[in-house]
Amino acid sequence: MAIQCAVCGKGPQYGQNIRHVHSGSWALRAPRTKRRWLPNLQSAKVMRDGQPTRIKVCAKCLKAGKVAKV
């Protein structure tokens, strides 16, 4: 199953870590490494087509009340 919210479709965000060291040679001063931020997904049991099913929902959708728990 994908790392994605079943309600809003929020998924991983991509970016870079930047080292804030301002001494040394230019090659070692501020290297950038790849990283990603994962959404805060929670497992929630909801009613879909009259059947209780488990889906992954982000915490923002749960707090906003976009999902009615069983």
PDB file of N, CA and C in Angstrom:
ATOM      1  N   MET A   1       0.842  -1.185   0.000  1.00  0.00           N
ATOM      2  CA  MET A   1       0.000   0.000   0.000  1.00  0.00           C
ATOM      3  C   MET A   1       0.884   1.245   0.000  1.00  0.00           C
ATOM      4  N   ALA A   2       0.462   2.238  -0.726  1.00  0.00           N
ATOM      5  CA  ALA A   2       1.262   3.446  -0.877  1.00  0.00           C
ATOM      6  C   ALA A   2       1.262   4.284   0.397  1.00  0.00           C
ATOM      7  N   ILE A   3       2.307   5.094   0.546  1.00  0.00           N
ATOM      8  CA  ILE A   3       2.379   6.030   1.670  1.00  0.00           C
ATOM      9  C   ILE A   3       1.627   7.285   1.241  1.00  0.00           C
ATOM     10  N   GLN A   4       0.291   7.204   1.310  1.00  0.00           N
ATOM     11  CA  GLN A   4      -0.543   8.289   0.809  1.00  0.00           C
ATOM     12  C   GLN A   4      -1.863   8.295   1.568  1.00  0.00           C
ATOM     13  N   CYS A   5      -2.374   9.481   1.841  1.00  0.00           N
ATOM     14  CA  CYS A   5      -3.648   9.626   2.529  1.00  0.00           C
ATOM     15  C   CYS A   5      -4.774   9.219   1.576  1.00  0.00           C
ATOM     16  N   ALA A   6      -5.718   8.409   2.085  1.00  0.00           N
ATOM     17  CA  ALA A   6      -6.824   7.945   1.259  1.00  0.00           C
ATOM     18  C   ALA A   6      -7.861   9.035   1.028  1.00  0.00           C
ATOM     19  N   VAL A   7      -7.848  10.108   1.818  1.00  0.00           N
ATOM     20  CA  VAL A   7      -8.843  11.170   1.691  1.00  0.00           C
ATOM     21  C   VAL A   7      -8.338  12.309   0.818  1.00  0.00           C
ATOM     22  N   CYS A   8      -7.197  12.884   1.181  1.00  0.00           N
ATOM     23  CA  CYS A   8      -6.718  14.072   0.462  1.00  0.00           C
ATOM     24  C   CYS A   8      -5.597  13.761  -0.524  1.00  0.00           C
ATOM     25  N   GLY A   9      -5.017  12.563  -0.464  1.00  0.00           N
ATOM     26  CA  GLY A   9      -3.963  12.197  -1.399  1.00  0.00           C
ATOM     27  C   GLY A   9      -2.590  12.730  -1.044  1.00  0.00           C
ATOM     28  N   LYS A  10      -2.432  13.208   0.187  1.00  0.00           N
ATOM     29  CA  LYS A  10      -1.129  13.735   0.608  1.00  0.00           C
ATOM     30  C   LYS A  10      -0.107  12.610   0.625  1.00  0.00           C
ATOM     31  N   GLY A  11       1.070  12.865   0.045  1.00  0.00           N
ATOM     32  CA  GLY A  11       2.121  11.860  -0.023  1.00  0.00           C
ATOM     33  C   GLY A  11       3.450  12.422   0.435  1.00  0.00           C
ATOM     34  N   PRO A  12       4.544  11.718   0.176  1.00  0.00           N
ATOM     35  CA  PRO A  12       5.859  12.194   0.602  1.00  0.00           C
ATOM     36  C   PRO A  12       6.271  13.470  -0.123  1.00  0.00           C
ATOM     37  N   GLN A  13       6.973  14.339   0.599  1.00  0.00           N
ATOM     38  CA  GLN A  13       7.534  15.553   0.027  1.00  0.00           C
ATOM     39  C   GLN A  13       9.032  15.353  -0.081  1.00  0.00           C
ATOM     40  N   TYR A  14       9.631  15.860  -1.141  1.00  0.00           N
ATOM     41  CA  TYR A  14      11.055  15.664  -1.372  1.00  0.00           C
ATOM     42  C   TYR A  14      11.804  16.977  -1.219  1.00  0.00           C
ATOM     43  N   GLY A  15      13.055  16.891  -0.746  1.00  0.00           N
ATOM     44  CA  GLY A  15      13.864  18.085  -0.589  1.00  0.00           C
ATOM     45  C   GLY A  15      15.301  17.711  -0.303  1.00  0.00           C
ATOM     46  N   GLN A  16      16.036  18.649   0.314  1.00  0.00           N
ATOM     47  CA  GLN A  16      17.444  18.431   0.600  1.00  0.00           C
ATOM     48  C   GLN A  16      17.782  18.900   2.001  1.00  0.00           C
ATOM     49  N   ASN A  17      18.666  18.152   2.647  1.00  0.00           N
ATOM     50  CA  ASN A  17      19.272  18.605   3.892  1.00  0.00           C
ATOM     51  C   ASN A  17      20.459  19.478   3.529  1.00  0.00           C
ATOM     52  N   ILE A  18      20.586  20.630   4.164  1.00  0.00           N
ATOM     53  CA  ILE A  18      21.703  21.520   3.911  1.00  0.00           C
ATOM     54  C   ILE A  18      22.473  21.689   5.211  1.00  0.00           C
ATOM     55  N   ARG A  19      23.761  21.372   5.184  1.00  0.00           N
ATOM     56  CA  ARG A  19      24.601  21.486   6.359  1.00  0.00           C
ATOM     57  C   ARG A  19      25.025  22.937   6.510  1.00  0.00           C
ATOM     58  N   HIS A  20      24.813  23.508   7.664  1.00  0.00           N
ATOM     59  CA  HIS A  20      25.122  24.916   7.883  1.00  0.00           C
ATOM     60  C   HIS A  20      26.470  25.066   8.579  1.00  0.00           C
ATOM     61  N   VAL A  21      27.513  24.605   7.928  1.00  0.00           N
ATOM     62  CA  VAL A  21      28.867  24.765   8.437  1.00  0.00           C
ATOM     63  C   VAL A  21      29.556  25.774   7.529  1.00  0.00           C
ATOM     64  N   HIS A  22      30.112  26.825   8.082  1.00  0.00           N
ATOM     65  CA  HIS A  22      30.681  27.902   7.282  1.00  0.00           C
ATOM     66  C   HIS A  22      32.191  27.997   7.433  1.00  0.00           C
ATOM     67  N   SER A  23      32.815  26.847   7.652  1.00  0.00           N
ATOM     68  CA  SER A  23      34.276  26.840   7.703  1.00  0.00           C
ATOM     69  C   SER A  23      34.767  25.645   6.905  1.00  0.00           C
ATOM     70  N   GLY A  24      35.997  25.692   6.456  1.00  0.00           N
ATOM     71  CA  GLY A  24      36.548  24.599   5.671  1.00  0.00           C
ATOM     72  C   GLY A  24      36.514  24.921   4.187  1.00  0.00           C
ATOM     73  N   SER A  25      36.869  23.941   3.380  1.00  0.00           N
ATOM     74  CA  SER A  25      36.902  24.165   1.936  1.00  0.00           C
ATOM     75  C   SER A  25      35.480  24.218   1.379  1.00  0.00           C
ATOM     76  N   TRP A  26      35.350  24.737   0.154  1.00  0.00           N
ATOM     77  CA  TRP A  26      34.027  24.918  -0.456  1.00  0.00           C
ATOM     78  C   TRP A  26      33.308  23.584  -0.648  1.00  0.00           C
ATOM     79  N   ALA A  27      34.053  22.520  -0.995  1.00  0.00           N
ATOM     80  CA  ALA A  27      33.417  21.232  -1.253  1.00  0.00           C
ATOM     81  C   ALA A  27      32.768  20.645   0.006  1.00  0.00           C
ATOM     82  N   LEU A  28      33.302  20.970   1.180  1.00  0.00           N
ATOM     83  CA  LEU A  28      32.764  20.411   2.420  1.00  0.00           C
ATOM     84  C   LEU A  28      31.893  21.389   3.190  1.00  0.00           C
ATOM     85  N   ARG A  29      31.779  22.626   2.714  1.00  0.00           N
ATOM     86  CA  ARG A  29      31.098  23.658   3.492  1.00  0.00           C
ATOM     87  C   ARG A  29      29.610  23.381   3.654  1.00  0.00           C
ATOM     88  N   ALA A  30      28.906  23.200   2.577  1.00  0.00           N
ATOM     89  CA  ALA A  30      27.459  23.008   2.674  1.00  0.00           C
ATOM     90  C   ALA A  30      26.994  21.952   1.682  1.00  0.00           C
ATOM     91  N   PRO A  31      27.347  20.681   1.913  1.00  0.00           N
ATOM     92  CA  PRO A  31      26.859  19.649   0.994  1.00  0.00           C
ATOM     93  C   PRO A  31      25.363  19.436   1.175  1.00  0.00           C
ATOM     94  N   ARG A  32      24.727  19.077   0.102  1.00  0.00           N
ATOM     95  CA  ARG A  32      23.283  18.841   0.127  1.00  0.00           C
ATOM     96  C   ARG A  32      23.026  17.353  -0.087  1.00  0.00           C
ATOM     97  N   THR A  33      22.237  16.773   0.806  1.00  0.00           N
ATOM     98  CA  THR A  33      21.870  15.378   0.681  1.00  0.00           C
ATOM     99  C   THR A  33      20.368  15.274   0.509  1.00  0.00           C
ATOM    100  N   LYS A  34      19.946  14.315  -0.270  1.00  0.00           N
ATOM    101  CA  LYS A  34      18.521  14.126  -0.530  1.00  0.00           C
ATOM    102  C   LYS A  34      17.814  13.621   0.725  1.00  0.00           C
ATOM    103  N   ARG A  35      16.578  14.047   0.908  1.00  0.00           N
ATOM    104  CA  ARG A  35      15.759  13.539   1.994  1.00  0.00           C
ATOM    105  C   ARG A  35      14.299  13.673   1.612  1.00  0.00           C
ATOM    106  N   ARG A  36      13.431  13.054   2.393  1.00  0.00           N
ATOM    107  CA  ARG A  36      12.003  13.210   2.149  1.00  0.00           C
ATOM    108  C   ARG A  36      11.239  13.236   3.461  1.00  0.00           C
ATOM    109  N   TRP A  37      10.132  13.947   3.436  1.00  0.00           N
ATOM    110  CA  TRP A  37       9.259  14.081   4.583  1.00  0.00           C
ATOM    111  C   TRP A  37       8.034  13.219   4.332  1.00  0.00           C
ATOM    112  N   LEU A  38       7.696  12.355   5.294  1.00  0.00           N
ATOM    113  CA  LEU A  38       6.544  11.482   5.147  1.00  0.00           C
ATOM    114  C   LEU A  38       5.344  12.077   5.873  1.00  0.00           C
ATOM    115  N   PRO A  39       4.129  11.888   5.335  1.00  0.00           N
ATOM    116  CA  PRO A  39       2.937  12.398   6.017  1.00  0.00           C
ATOM    117  C   PRO A  39       2.655  11.594   7.284  1.00  0.00           C
ATOM    118  N   ASN A  40       1.967  12.223   8.221  1.00  0.00           N
ATOM    119  CA  ASN A  40       1.608  11.572   9.490  1.00  0.00           C
ATOM    120  C   ASN A  40       0.351  10.744   9.263  1.00  0.00           C
ATOM    121  N   LEU A  41       0.524   9.507   8.778  1.00  0.00           N
ATOM    122  CA  LEU A  41      -0.612   8.648   8.463  1.00  0.00           C
ATOM    123  C   LEU A  41      -1.015   7.812   9.670  1.00  0.00           C
ATOM    124  N   GLN A  42      -2.317   7.704   9.862  1.00  0.00           N
ATOM    125  CA  GLN A  42      -2.893   6.898  10.930  1.00  0.00           C
ATOM    126  C   GLN A  42      -3.866   5.914  10.303  1.00  0.00           C
ATOM    127  N   SER A  43      -3.959   4.737  10.881  1.00  0.00           N
ATOM    128  CA  SER A  43      -4.905   3.738  10.404  1.00  0.00           C
ATOM    129  C   SER A  43      -6.257   4.011  11.039  1.00  0.00           C
ATOM    130  N   ALA A  44      -7.302   4.104  10.222  1.00  0.00           N
ATOM    131  CA  ALA A  44      -8.636   4.397  10.729  1.00  0.00           C
ATOM    132  C   ALA A  44      -9.632   3.418  10.119  1.00  0.00           C
ATOM    133  N   LYS A  45     -10.563   2.968  10.934  1.00  0.00           N
ATOM    134  CA  LYS A  45     -11.611   2.072  10.458  1.00  0.00           C
ATOM    135  C   LYS A  45     -12.830   2.923  10.100  1.00  0.00           C
ATOM    136  N   VAL A  46     -13.230   2.882   8.832  1.00  0.00           N
ATOM    137  CA  VAL A  46     -14.346   3.690   8.347  1.00  0.00           C
ATOM    138  C   VAL A  46     -15.326   2.795   7.595  1.00  0.00           C
ATOM    139  N   MET A  47     -16.521   3.316   7.369  1.00  0.00           N
ATOM    140  CA  MET A  47     -17.535   2.582   6.609  1.00  0.00           C
ATOM    141  C   MET A  47     -17.413   2.940   5.136  1.00  0.00           C
ATOM    142  N   ARG A  48     -17.208   1.926   4.303  1.00  0.00           N
ATOM    143  CA  ARG A  48     -17.178   2.110   2.847  1.00  0.00           C
ATOM    144  C   ARG A  48     -18.071   1.056   2.223  1.00  0.00           C
ATOM    145  N   ASP A  49     -19.079   1.498   1.498  1.00  0.00           N
ATOM    146  CA  ASP A  49     -20.044   0.605   0.846  1.00  0.00           C
ATOM    147  C   ASP A  49     -20.706  -0.334   1.856  1.00  0.00           C
ATOM    148  N   GLY A  50     -20.999   0.185   3.040  1.00  0.00           N
ATOM    149  CA  GLY A  50     -21.659  -0.604   4.067  1.00  0.00           C
ATOM    150  C   GLY A  50     -20.771  -1.585   4.801  1.00  0.00           C
ATOM    151  N   GLN A  51     -19.490  -1.600   4.483  1.00  0.00           N
ATOM    152  CA  GLN A  51     -18.546  -2.501   5.135  1.00  0.00           C
ATOM    153  C   GLN A  51     -17.493  -1.691   5.890  1.00  0.00           C
ATOM    154  N   PRO A  52     -17.162  -2.093   7.120  1.00  0.00           N
ATOM    155  CA  PRO A  52     -16.069  -1.410   7.820  1.00  0.00           C
ATOM    156  C   PRO A  52     -14.722  -1.830   7.223  1.00  0.00           C
ATOM    157  N   THR A  53     -13.940  -0.863   6.779  1.00  0.00           N
ATOM    158  CA  THR A  53     -12.627  -1.145   6.207  1.00  0.00           C
ATOM    159  C   THR A  53     -11.587  -0.240   6.851  1.00  0.00           C
ATOM    160  N   ARG A  54     -10.332  -0.698   6.828  1.00  0.00           N
ATOM    161  CA  ARG A  54      -9.230   0.097   7.368  1.00  0.00           C
ATOM    162  C   ARG A  54      -8.565   0.855   6.232  1.00  0.00           C
ATOM    163  N   ILE A  55      -8.382   2.164   6.434  1.00  0.00           N
ATOM    164  CA  ILE A  55      -7.682   2.991   5.459  1.00  0.00           C
ATOM    165  C   ILE A  55      -6.643   3.820   6.201  1.00  0.00           C
ATOM    166  N   LYS A  56      -5.659   4.316   5.452  1.00  0.00           N
ATOM    167  CA  LYS A  56      -4.645   5.193   6.025  1.00  0.00           C
ATOM    168  C   LYS A  56      -5.049   6.632   5.750  1.00  0.00           C
ATOM    169  N   VAL A  57      -5.160   7.403   6.827  1.00  0.00           N
ATOM    170  CA  VAL A  57      -5.611   8.787   6.741  1.00  0.00           C
ATOM    171  C   VAL A  57      -4.595   9.662   7.452  1.00  0.00           C
ATOM    172  N   CYS A  58      -4.296  10.832   6.890  1.00  0.00           N
ATOM    173  CA  CYS A  58      -3.361  11.737   7.552  1.00  0.00           C
ATOM    174  C   CYS A  58      -4.037  12.369   8.775  1.00  0.00           C
ATOM    175  N   ALA A  59      -3.221  12.781   9.717  1.00  0.00           N
ATOM    176  CA  ALA A  59      -3.733  13.333  10.973  1.00  0.00           C
ATOM    177  C   ALA A  59      -4.521  14.617  10.742  1.00  0.00           C
ATOM    178  N   LYS A  60      -4.167  15.368   9.709  1.00  0.00           N
ATOM    179  CA  LYS A  60      -4.874  16.612   9.412  1.00  0.00           C
ATOM    180  C   LYS A  60      -6.325  16.336   9.022  1.00  0.00           C
ATOM    181  N   CYS A  61      -6.554  15.280   8.225  1.00  0.00           N
ATOM    182  CA  CYS A  61      -7.917  14.917   7.827  1.00  0.00           C
ATOM    183  C   CYS A  61      -8.708  14.368   9.015  1.00  0.00           C
ATOM    184  N   LEU A  62      -8.047  13.617   9.891  1.00  0.00           N
ATOM    185  CA  LEU A  62      -8.729  13.103  11.080  1.00  0.00           C
ATOM    186  C   LEU A  62      -9.167  14.239  11.989  1.00  0.00           C
ATOM    187  N   LYS A  63      -8.267  15.213  12.208  1.00  0.00           N
ATOM    188  CA  LYS A  63      -8.600  16.340  13.088  1.00  0.00           C
ATOM    189  C   LYS A  63      -9.677  17.232  12.499  1.00  0.00           C
ATOM    190  N   ALA A  64      -9.705  17.330  11.156  1.00  0.00           N
ATOM    191  CA  ALA A  64     -10.691  18.183  10.493  1.00  0.00           C
ATOM    192  C   ALA A  64     -12.061  17.521  10.439  1.00  0.00           C
ATOM    193  N   GLY A  65     -12.141  16.235  10.753  1.00  0.00           N
ATOM    194  CA  GLY A  65     -13.421  15.545  10.740  1.00  0.00           C
ATOM    195  C   GLY A  65     -13.866  15.108   9.348  1.00  0.00           C
ATOM    196  N   LYS A  66     -12.918  14.949   8.439  1.00  0.00           N
ATOM    197  CA  LYS A  66     -13.256  14.526   7.073  1.00  0.00           C
ATOM    198  C   LYS A  66     -13.569  13.044   7.003  1.00  0.00           C
ATOM    199  N   VAL A  67     -13.266  12.302   8.073  1.00  0.00           N
ATOM    200  CA  VAL A  67     -13.488  10.866   8.117  1.00  0.00           C
ATOM    201  C   VAL A  67     -14.377  10.545   9.316  1.00  0.00           C
ATOM    202  N   ALA A  68     -15.441   9.753   9.088  1.00  0.00           N
ATOM    203  CA  ALA A  68     -16.293   9.324  10.168  1.00  0.00           C
ATOM    204  C   ALA A  68     -15.860   7.917  10.582  1.00  0.00           C
ATOM    205  N   LYS A  69     -15.303   7.805  11.801  1.00  0.00           N
ATOM    206  CA  LYS A  69     -14.854   6.510  12.295  1.00  0.00           C
ATOM    207  C   LYS A  69     -16.047   5.618  12.615  1.00  0.00           C
ATOM    208  N   VAL A  70     -15.801   4.296  12.556  1.00  0.00           N
ATOM    209  CA  VAL A  70     -16.857   3.316  12.898  1.00  0.00           C
ATOM    210  C   VAL A  70     -16.938   3.201  14.403  1.00  0.00           C
TER     211      VAL A  70
END
